[in-house]
Amino acid sequence: MSTGEYRCAKCNEPQNVNSLGLQCEKCGYKIFLKDRPVDKKVYSTD
């Protein structure tokens, strides 16, 4: 995990969640969202 991989769900600031204090340093929120690339998944049915 690198810094910026997760964002605070409340203030949307990038966070480093490697530390044991899983809490946003800016607002104190404890819920984080992972940044994921936007990829379309195409499924074909036969």
N, C-alpha and C. Protein backbone atom coordinates (compact mmCIF):
# COMPACT_ATOMS: atom_id res chain seq x y z
N MET A 1 0.84 -1.18 0.00
CA MET A 1 0.00 0.00 0.00
C MET A 1 0.88 1.24 0.00
N SER A 2 0.54 2.15 -0.83
CA SER A 2 1.28 3.40 -0.87
C SER A 2 0.36 4.55 -0.46
N THR A 3 0.96 5.67 -0.14
CA THR A 3 0.18 6.85 0.24
C THR A 3 -0.66 7.30 -0.94
N GLY A 4 -1.92 7.64 -0.67
CA GLY A 4 -2.79 8.10 -1.73
C GLY A 4 -3.63 7.00 -2.34
N GLU A 5 -3.44 5.78 -1.91
CA GLU A 5 -4.23 4.68 -2.44
C GLU A 5 -5.64 4.71 -1.84
N TYR A 6 -5.77 5.26 -0.67
CA TYR A 6 -7.07 5.36 -0.01
C TYR A 6 -7.41 6.83 0.21
N ARG A 7 -8.71 7.14 0.18
CA ARG A 7 -9.17 8.50 0.44
C ARG A 7 -10.20 8.47 1.56
N CYS A 8 -10.22 9.52 2.35
CA CYS A 8 -11.21 9.66 3.40
C CYS A 8 -12.59 9.82 2.76
N ALA A 9 -13.59 9.11 3.28
CA ALA A 9 -14.94 9.17 2.71
C ALA A 9 -15.62 10.50 2.99
N LYS A 10 -15.18 11.21 4.01
CA LYS A 10 -15.82 12.47 4.39
C LYS A 10 -15.19 13.69 3.72
N CYS A 11 -13.86 13.83 3.83
CA CYS A 11 -13.20 15.02 3.29
C CYS A 11 -12.46 14.76 1.99
N ASN A 12 -12.40 13.50 1.53
CA ASN A 12 -11.81 13.11 0.25
C ASN A 12 -10.31 13.38 0.15
N GLU A 13 -9.63 13.44 1.29
CA GLU A 13 -8.19 13.66 1.30
C GLU A 13 -7.47 12.32 1.18
N PRO A 14 -6.39 12.25 0.39
CA PRO A 14 -5.62 11.00 0.32
C PRO A 14 -4.98 10.69 1.66
N GLN A 15 -4.97 9.41 2.05
CA GLN A 15 -4.46 9.01 3.36
C GLN A 15 -3.49 7.86 3.24
N ASN A 16 -2.59 7.78 4.19
CA ASN A 16 -1.70 6.64 4.33
C ASN A 16 -2.27 5.76 5.43
N VAL A 17 -2.81 4.60 5.08
CA VAL A 17 -3.45 3.75 6.07
C VAL A 17 -2.50 2.65 6.56
N ASN A 18 -1.19 2.80 6.33
CA ASN A 18 -0.23 1.84 6.85
C ASN A 18 -0.09 1.98 8.37
N SER A 19 -0.39 3.16 8.88
CA SER A 19 -0.26 3.38 10.31
C SER A 19 -1.39 2.68 11.05
N LEU A 20 -1.20 2.45 12.33
CA LEU A 20 -2.20 1.73 13.13
C LEU A 20 -3.41 2.59 13.46
N GLY A 21 -3.26 3.91 13.48
CA GLY A 21 -4.38 4.79 13.77
C GLY A 21 -5.21 5.00 12.52
N LEU A 22 -6.13 4.09 12.25
CA LEU A 22 -6.94 4.17 11.03
C LEU A 22 -8.00 5.25 11.18
N GLN A 23 -7.54 6.48 11.09
CA GLN A 23 -8.40 7.63 11.26
C GLN A 23 -7.83 8.77 10.42
N CYS A 24 -8.70 9.52 9.77
CA CYS A 24 -8.25 10.64 8.94
C CYS A 24 -7.56 11.68 9.81
N GLU A 25 -6.39 12.12 9.35
CA GLU A 25 -5.62 13.11 10.12
C GLU A 25 -6.27 14.48 10.06
N LYS A 26 -7.06 14.74 9.03
CA LYS A 26 -7.66 16.07 8.85
C LYS A 26 -8.98 16.22 9.61
N CYS A 27 -9.90 15.22 9.42
CA CYS A 27 -11.23 15.38 10.00
C CYS A 27 -11.57 14.34 11.07
N GLY A 28 -10.75 13.28 11.21
CA GLY A 28 -10.98 12.28 12.24
C GLY A 28 -11.94 11.17 11.84
N TYR A 29 -12.35 11.15 10.58
CA TYR A 29 -13.28 10.13 10.10
C TYR A 29 -12.57 8.79 10.00
N LYS A 30 -13.30 7.69 10.15
CA LYS A 30 -12.69 6.36 10.19
C LYS A 30 -13.07 5.47 9.01
N ILE A 31 -13.69 6.05 7.98
CA ILE A 31 -14.07 5.26 6.80
C ILE A 31 -13.25 5.74 5.62
N PHE A 32 -12.62 4.78 4.92
CA PHE A 32 -11.77 5.10 3.78
C PHE A 32 -12.26 4.38 2.54
N LEU A 33 -12.07 5.02 1.39
CA LEU A 33 -12.44 4.44 0.11
C LEU A 33 -11.17 4.23 -0.69
N LYS A 34 -11.09 3.11 -1.40
CA LYS A 34 -9.90 2.80 -2.18
C LYS A 34 -10.05 3.38 -3.59
N ASP A 35 -8.99 4.04 -4.06
CA ASP A 35 -8.99 4.54 -5.44
C ASP A 35 -8.82 3.36 -6.38
N ARG A 36 -9.74 3.23 -7.31
CA ARG A 36 -9.67 2.13 -8.27
C ARG A 36 -9.80 2.71 -9.67
N PRO A 37 -9.10 2.12 -10.63
CA PRO A 37 -9.21 2.60 -12.01
C PRO A 37 -10.60 2.31 -12.57
N VAL A 38 -11.04 3.15 -13.47
CA VAL A 38 -12.34 2.98 -14.08
C VAL A 38 -12.17 2.11 -15.33
N ASP A 39 -12.50 0.85 -15.20
CA ASP A 39 -12.41 -0.10 -16.31
C ASP A 39 -13.79 -0.68 -16.57
N LYS A 40 -14.17 -0.67 -17.85
CA LYS A 40 -15.43 -1.31 -18.20
C LYS A 40 -15.20 -2.81 -18.37
N LYS A 41 -16.10 -3.58 -17.82
CA LYS A 41 -16.02 -5.03 -17.98
C LYS A 41 -17.08 -5.44 -19.01
N VAL A 42 -16.62 -6.13 -20.03
CA VAL A 42 -17.53 -6.56 -21.08
C VAL A 42 -17.67 -8.08 -20.98
N TYR A 43 -18.91 -8.52 -20.83
CA TYR A 43 -19.19 -9.94 -20.74
C TYR A 43 -19.93 -10.37 -22.00
N SER A 44 -19.56 -11.49 -22.53
CA SER A 44 -20.28 -12.01 -23.69
C SER A 44 -20.99 -13.28 -23.27
N THR A 45 -22.21 -13.41 -23.73
CA THR A 45 -22.99 -14.61 -23.43
C THR A 45 -23.18 -15.40 -24.72
N ASP A 46 -23.04 -16.66 -24.62
CA ASP A 46 -23.21 -17.52 -25.80
C ASP A 46 -24.55 -18.23 -25.79
